[in-house]
Amino acid sequence: QVQLVESGGGLVQAGGSLRLSCAYSGSIFSINAMSWYRQVPGKQRELVAAITVGGSSSYADSVKGRFTISRDNVKNTVYLQMNSLKPEDTAVYYCKALRGGVGYWGQGTQVTVSS
């Protein structure tokens, strides 16, 4: 089992920045990749960014150039730095760990961007 706890969400004005954190614990060996998803009511959860154990990262087109995913293997934490935020970035953001083909999710953190 892998436990994930997100933090760092909140209310910010358009153009502002937030940094989300995801602390992971438990059976963290052999985690293949970490990723951030987001979801708004009535819509499917969508992949925002992902980072592999080797450090390769990928992003949704809608956030490229504005968001950066990173990981600290000493602190067992994954970050999502979000800059130039837009109202359409408003969502609940979830952290996911992929280990052995099984996905583990955090409880989510709300991000609200006001116009």
N, C-alpha and C. Protein backbone atom coordinates (compact mmCIF):
# COMPACT_ATOMS: atom_id res chain seq x y z
N GLN A 1 0.84 -1.20 0.00
CA GLN A 1 0.00 0.00 0.00
C GLN A 1 0.87 1.25 0.00
N VAL A 2 0.36 2.26 -0.68
CA VAL A 2 1.03 3.55 -0.72
C VAL A 2 0.03 4.59 -0.24
N GLN A 3 0.45 5.43 0.69
CA GLN A 3 -0.40 6.50 1.18
C GLN A 3 0.08 7.82 0.61
N LEU A 4 -0.87 8.65 0.20
CA LEU A 4 -0.56 9.93 -0.42
C LEU A 4 -1.35 11.03 0.27
N VAL A 5 -0.69 12.13 0.56
CA VAL A 5 -1.36 13.27 1.19
C VAL A 5 -1.00 14.53 0.42
N GLU A 6 -2.01 15.15 -0.19
CA GLU A 6 -1.78 16.39 -0.94
C GLU A 6 -1.98 17.59 -0.04
N SER A 7 -1.31 18.67 -0.40
CA SER A 7 -1.48 19.94 0.31
C SER A 7 -1.10 21.06 -0.63
N GLY A 8 -1.44 22.29 -0.23
CA GLY A 8 -1.02 23.45 -1.00
C GLY A 8 -2.10 24.10 -1.84
N GLY A 9 -3.28 23.51 -1.87
CA GLY A 9 -4.36 24.13 -2.64
C GLY A 9 -4.87 25.38 -1.96
N GLY A 10 -5.73 26.11 -2.67
CA GLY A 10 -6.29 27.32 -2.09
C GLY A 10 -6.92 28.19 -3.15
N LEU A 11 -7.17 29.43 -2.76
CA LEU A 11 -7.79 30.41 -3.65
C LEU A 11 -6.72 31.39 -4.11
N VAL A 12 -6.66 31.63 -5.40
CA VAL A 12 -5.66 32.54 -5.96
C VAL A 12 -6.29 33.31 -7.12
N GLN A 13 -5.81 34.50 -7.35
CA GLN A 13 -6.29 35.29 -8.48
C GLN A 13 -5.66 34.81 -9.78
N ALA A 14 -6.34 35.05 -10.86
CA ALA A 14 -5.80 34.70 -12.18
C ALA A 14 -4.44 35.37 -12.36
N GLY A 15 -3.51 34.62 -12.91
CA GLY A 15 -2.15 35.10 -13.08
C GLY A 15 -1.23 34.75 -11.93
N GLY A 16 -1.80 34.28 -10.85
CA GLY A 16 -1.02 33.94 -9.67
C GLY A 16 -0.42 32.55 -9.74
N SER A 17 0.21 32.16 -8.64
CA SER A 17 0.90 30.87 -8.57
C SER A 17 0.53 30.11 -7.31
N LEU A 18 0.63 28.81 -7.40
CA LEU A 18 0.48 27.92 -6.25
C LEU A 18 1.44 26.76 -6.43
N ARG A 19 1.87 26.18 -5.32
CA ARG A 19 2.65 24.96 -5.39
C ARG A 19 1.96 23.87 -4.58
N LEU A 20 1.60 22.81 -5.26
CA LEU A 20 1.00 21.67 -4.60
C LEU A 20 2.09 20.68 -4.19
N SER A 21 1.86 20.02 -3.06
CA SER A 21 2.78 18.99 -2.60
C SER A 21 2.02 17.69 -2.39
N CYS A 22 2.70 16.59 -2.63
CA CYS A 22 2.13 15.27 -2.41
C CYS A 22 3.18 14.44 -1.67
N ALA A 23 2.94 14.20 -0.40
CA ALA A 23 3.85 13.38 0.39
C ALA A 23 3.39 11.93 0.32
N TYR A 24 4.32 11.04 -0.03
CA TYR A 24 3.95 9.63 -0.15
C TYR A 24 4.73 8.79 0.85
N SER A 25 4.08 7.72 1.29
CA SER A 25 4.68 6.84 2.30
C SER A 25 4.13 5.43 2.13
N GLY A 26 4.68 4.52 2.90
CA GLY A 26 4.25 3.13 2.82
C GLY A 26 5.20 2.33 1.95
N SER A 27 4.66 1.48 1.12
CA SER A 27 5.46 0.63 0.24
C SER A 27 5.87 1.41 -1.01
N ILE A 28 6.80 2.33 -0.82
CA ILE A 28 7.14 3.26 -1.89
C ILE A 28 8.22 2.74 -2.82
N PHE A 29 8.82 1.60 -2.47
CA PHE A 29 9.80 1.05 -3.39
C PHE A 29 9.07 0.57 -4.63
N SER A 30 9.72 0.61 -5.75
CA SER A 30 9.16 0.18 -7.02
C SER A 30 8.00 1.04 -7.52
N ILE A 31 7.89 2.25 -7.01
CA ILE A 31 6.94 3.18 -7.62
C ILE A 31 7.48 3.54 -8.99
N ASN A 32 6.68 3.34 -10.02
CA ASN A 32 7.14 3.57 -11.38
C ASN A 32 7.03 5.03 -11.79
N ALA A 33 5.94 5.66 -11.36
CA ALA A 33 5.70 7.04 -11.78
C ALA A 33 4.76 7.71 -10.79
N MET A 34 4.87 9.02 -10.75
CA MET A 34 3.97 9.85 -9.95
C MET A 34 3.29 10.83 -10.90
N SER A 35 2.06 11.15 -10.62
CA SER A 35 1.37 12.08 -11.51
C SER A 35 0.35 12.92 -10.74
N TRP A 36 -0.05 13.99 -11.39
CA TRP A 36 -1.09 14.87 -10.89
C TRP A 36 -2.26 14.83 -11.88
N TYR A 37 -3.45 14.69 -11.34
CA TYR A 37 -4.69 14.76 -12.10
C TYR A 37 -5.54 15.89 -11.53
N ARG A 38 -6.55 16.28 -12.29
CA ARG A 38 -7.51 17.22 -11.76
C ARG A 38 -8.91 16.86 -12.25
N GLN A 39 -9.89 17.30 -11.49
CA GLN A 39 -11.27 16.97 -11.82
C GLN A 39 -12.20 18.10 -11.40
N VAL A 40 -13.11 18.43 -12.30
CA VAL A 40 -14.18 19.37 -12.00
C VAL A 40 -15.49 18.60 -11.99
N PRO A 41 -16.47 19.09 -11.25
CA PRO A 41 -17.75 18.36 -11.17
C PRO A 41 -18.35 18.10 -12.55
N GLY A 42 -18.79 16.88 -12.75
CA GLY A 42 -19.44 16.53 -14.00
C GLY A 42 -18.50 16.16 -15.12
N LYS A 43 -17.20 16.21 -14.86
CA LYS A 43 -16.22 15.86 -15.90
C LYS A 43 -15.32 14.75 -15.41
N GLN A 44 -14.68 14.09 -16.40
CA GLN A 44 -13.74 13.03 -16.05
C GLN A 44 -12.47 13.62 -15.47
N ARG A 45 -11.84 12.83 -14.63
CA ARG A 45 -10.55 13.23 -14.10
C ARG A 45 -9.54 13.24 -15.25
N GLU A 46 -8.74 14.30 -15.33
CA GLU A 46 -7.79 14.41 -16.44
C GLU A 46 -6.35 14.48 -15.92
N LEU A 47 -5.45 13.90 -16.69
CA LEU A 47 -4.04 13.91 -16.36
C LEU A 47 -3.47 15.30 -16.63
N VAL A 48 -2.77 15.82 -15.65
CA VAL A 48 -2.16 17.15 -15.78
C VAL A 48 -0.67 17.02 -16.06
N ALA A 49 0.01 16.21 -15.25
CA ALA A 49 1.46 16.07 -15.40
C ALA A 49 1.89 14.76 -14.76
N ALA A 50 2.99 14.22 -15.26
CA ALA A 50 3.52 12.97 -14.73
C ALA A 50 5.04 13.02 -14.74
N ILE A 51 5.63 12.25 -13.82
CA ILE A 51 7.09 12.15 -13.77
C ILE A 51 7.46 10.71 -13.45
N THR A 52 8.42 10.17 -14.21
CA THR A 52 8.83 8.78 -14.02
C THR A 52 9.91 8.69 -12.96
N VAL A 53 10.23 7.46 -12.59
CA VAL A 53 11.27 7.25 -11.60
C VAL A 53 12.61 7.77 -12.12
N GLY A 54 12.76 7.79 -13.44
CA GLY A 54 14.00 8.30 -14.02
C GLY A 54 14.03 9.81 -14.15
N GLY A 55 12.91 10.46 -13.85
CA GLY A 55 12.87 11.91 -13.89
C GLY A 55 12.28 12.52 -15.15
N SER A 56 11.85 11.69 -16.08
CA SER A 56 11.22 12.22 -17.29
C SER A 56 9.82 12.71 -16.96
N SER A 57 9.47 13.87 -17.51
CA SER A 57 8.18 14.46 -17.20
C SER A 57 7.38 14.69 -18.47
N SER A 58 6.07 14.76 -18.31
CA SER A 58 5.17 15.04 -19.42
C SER A 58 4.00 15.86 -18.90
N TYR A 59 3.36 16.60 -19.80
CA TYR A 59 2.31 17.54 -19.41
C TYR A 59 1.15 17.52 -20.38
N ALA A 60 -0.02 17.85 -19.86
CA ALA A 60 -1.16 18.09 -20.73
C ALA A 60 -0.89 19.37 -21.51
N ASP A 61 -1.40 19.42 -22.73
CA ASP A 61 -1.17 20.61 -23.56
C ASP A 61 -1.66 21.88 -22.88
N SER A 62 -2.72 21.76 -22.12
CA SER A 62 -3.34 22.94 -21.51
C SER A 62 -2.47 23.58 -20.42
N VAL A 63 -1.48 22.85 -19.93
CA VAL A 63 -0.65 23.40 -18.85
C VAL A 63 0.83 23.53 -19.22
N LYS A 64 1.19 23.10 -20.41
CA LYS A 64 2.59 23.19 -20.83
C LYS A 64 3.08 24.62 -20.78
N GLY A 65 4.27 24.79 -20.22
CA GLY A 65 4.85 26.11 -20.11
C GLY A 65 4.41 26.88 -18.87
N ARG A 66 3.39 26.35 -18.18
CA ARG A 66 2.90 27.04 -16.97
C ARG A 66 3.10 26.19 -15.72
N PHE A 67 2.98 24.89 -15.84
CA PHE A 67 3.11 23.98 -14.70
C PHE A 67 4.41 23.20 -14.80
N THR A 68 4.97 22.89 -13.63
CA THR A 68 6.18 22.07 -13.57
C THR A 68 6.03 21.02 -12.48
N ILE A 69 6.25 19.77 -12.85
CA ILE A 69 6.22 18.68 -11.88
C ILE A 69 7.65 18.33 -11.50
N SER A 70 7.86 18.05 -10.22
CA SER A 70 9.18 17.66 -9.75
C SER A 70 9.02 16.71 -8.56
N ARG A 71 10.11 16.04 -8.22
CA ARG A 71 10.04 15.13 -7.08
C ARG A 71 11.31 15.22 -6.25
N ASP A 72 11.15 15.04 -4.95
CA ASP A 72 12.26 15.03 -4.02
C ASP A 72 12.28 13.63 -3.40
N ASN A 73 13.23 12.81 -3.83
CA ASN A 73 13.29 11.42 -3.38
C ASN A 73 13.77 11.28 -1.94
N VAL A 74 14.34 12.34 -1.40
CA VAL A 74 14.76 12.31 0.01
C VAL A 74 13.54 12.57 0.90
N LYS A 75 12.75 13.54 0.49
CA LYS A 75 11.55 13.89 1.27
C LYS A 75 10.34 13.05 0.88
N ASN A 76 10.49 12.21 -0.15
CA ASN A 76 9.36 11.41 -0.64
C ASN A 76 8.15 12.30 -0.94
N THR A 77 8.41 13.32 -1.71
CA THR A 77 7.38 14.29 -2.03
C THR A 77 7.44 14.65 -3.51
N VAL A 78 6.27 14.80 -4.10
CA VAL A 78 6.16 15.27 -5.48
C VAL A 78 5.48 16.64 -5.44
N TYR A 79 5.94 17.52 -6.29
CA TYR A 79 5.42 18.88 -6.32
C TYR A 79 4.80 19.19 -7.68
N LEU A 80 3.87 20.12 -7.66
CA LEU A 80 3.34 20.68 -8.90
C LEU A 80 3.36 22.20 -8.74
N GLN A 81 4.32 22.83 -9.40
CA GLN A 81 4.40 24.28 -9.40
C GLN A 81 3.49 24.80 -10.50
N MET A 82 2.54 25.63 -10.13
CA MET A 82 1.55 26.13 -11.08
C MET A 82 1.68 27.65 -11.17
N ASN A 83 2.06 28.13 -12.33
CA ASN A 83 2.22 29.57 -12.57
C ASN A 83 1.20 30.04 -13.61
N SER A 84 1.01 31.34 -13.67
CA SER A 84 0.08 31.94 -14.65
C SER A 84 -1.26 31.22 -14.62
N LEU A 85 -1.79 31.06 -13.44
CA LEU A 85 -3.03 30.30 -13.29
C LEU A 85 -4.20 31.01 -13.96
N LYS A 86 -5.10 30.19 -14.49
CA LYS A 86 -6.29 30.69 -15.18
C LYS A 86 -7.55 30.15 -14.46
N PRO A 87 -8.66 30.83 -14.62
CA PRO A 87 -9.90 30.33 -13.99
C PRO A 87 -10.22 28.89 -14.40
N GLU A 88 -9.86 28.51 -15.62
CA GLU A 88 -10.15 27.15 -16.06
C GLU A 88 -9.26 26.10 -15.41
N ASP A 89 -8.28 26.53 -14.63
CA ASP A 89 -7.47 25.59 -13.85
C ASP A 89 -8.17 25.20 -12.55
N THR A 90 -9.28 25.84 -12.26
CA THR A 90 -10.03 25.52 -11.04
C THR A 90 -10.49 24.07 -11.06
N ALA A 91 -10.15 23.34 -10.03
CA ALA A 91 -10.47 21.91 -9.96
C ALA A 91 -9.99 21.35 -8.62
N VAL A 92 -10.35 20.10 -8.37
CA VAL A 92 -9.72 19.36 -7.29
C VAL A 92 -8.53 18.63 -7.91
N TYR A 93 -7.38 18.80 -7.32
CA TYR A 93 -6.16 18.19 -7.84
C TYR A 93 -5.81 16.97 -7.00
N TYR A 94 -5.53 15.87 -7.70
CA TYR A 94 -5.22 14.61 -7.05
C TYR A 94 -3.82 14.15 -7.43
N CYS A 95 -3.15 13.56 -6.49
CA CYS A 95 -1.85 12.93 -6.71
C CYS A 95 -2.07 11.43 -6.87
N LYS A 96 -1.30 10.83 -7.77
CA LYS A 96 -1.41 9.39 -8.01
C LYS A 96 -0.02 8.78 -8.07
N ALA A 97 0.11 7.62 -7.44
CA ALA A 97 1.34 6.83 -7.54
C ALA A 97 1.02 5.55 -8.27
N LEU A 98 1.88 5.19 -9.21
CA LEU A 98 1.72 3.95 -9.96
C LEU A 98 2.80 2.98 -9.53
N ARG A 99 2.38 1.85 -8.98
CA ARG A 99 3.33 0.86 -8.47
C ARG A 99 2.85 -0.53 -8.86
N GLY A 100 3.64 -1.19 -9.63
CA GLY A 100 3.30 -2.56 -10.02
C GLY A 100 1.98 -2.66 -10.76
N GLY A 101 1.66 -1.63 -11.53
CA GLY A 101 0.41 -1.65 -12.27
C GLY A 101 -0.80 -1.23 -11.48
N VAL A 102 -0.60 -0.89 -10.22
CA VAL A 102 -1.70 -0.47 -9.36
C VAL A 102 -1.57 1.02 -9.08
N GLY A 103 -2.67 1.73 -9.18
CA GLY A 103 -2.67 3.15 -8.92
C GLY A 103 -3.19 3.46 -7.52
N TYR A 104 -2.50 4.35 -6.84
CA TYR A 104 -2.89 4.80 -5.50
C TYR A 104 -3.17 6.29 -5.56
N TRP A 105 -4.24 6.71 -4.91
CA TRP A 105 -4.68 8.10 -5.00
C TRP A 105 -4.67 8.78 -3.64
N GLY A 106 -4.42 10.09 -3.69
CA GLY A 106 -4.59 10.90 -2.51
C GLY A 106 -6.04 11.37 -2.41
N GLN A 107 -6.31 12.20 -1.38
CA GLN A 107 -7.68 12.62 -1.13
C GLN A 107 -8.05 13.86 -1.94
N GLY A 108 -7.06 14.52 -2.53
CA GLY A 108 -7.32 15.69 -3.36
C GLY A 108 -7.19 16.99 -2.59
N THR A 109 -6.88 18.04 -3.31
CA THR A 109 -6.81 19.38 -2.75
C THR A 109 -7.45 20.36 -3.72
N GLN A 110 -8.27 21.26 -3.20
CA GLN A 110 -9.02 22.17 -4.06
C GLN A 110 -8.16 23.36 -4.48
N VAL A 111 -8.19 23.65 -5.76
CA VAL A 111 -7.56 24.85 -6.31
C VAL A 111 -8.66 25.68 -6.97
N THR A 112 -8.77 26.93 -6.54
CA THR A 112 -9.77 27.84 -7.11
C THR A 112 -9.06 29.09 -7.61
N VAL A 113 -9.27 29.39 -8.88
CA VAL A 113 -8.64 30.56 -9.50
C VAL A 113 -9.75 31.55 -9.84
N SER A 114 -9.68 32.72 -9.24
CA SER A 114 -10.70 33.74 -9.48
C SER A 114 -10.27 34.66 -10.62
N SER A 115 -11.25 35.14 -11.37
CA SER A 115 -10.95 36.02 -12.52
C SER A 115 -10.94 37.48 -12.10
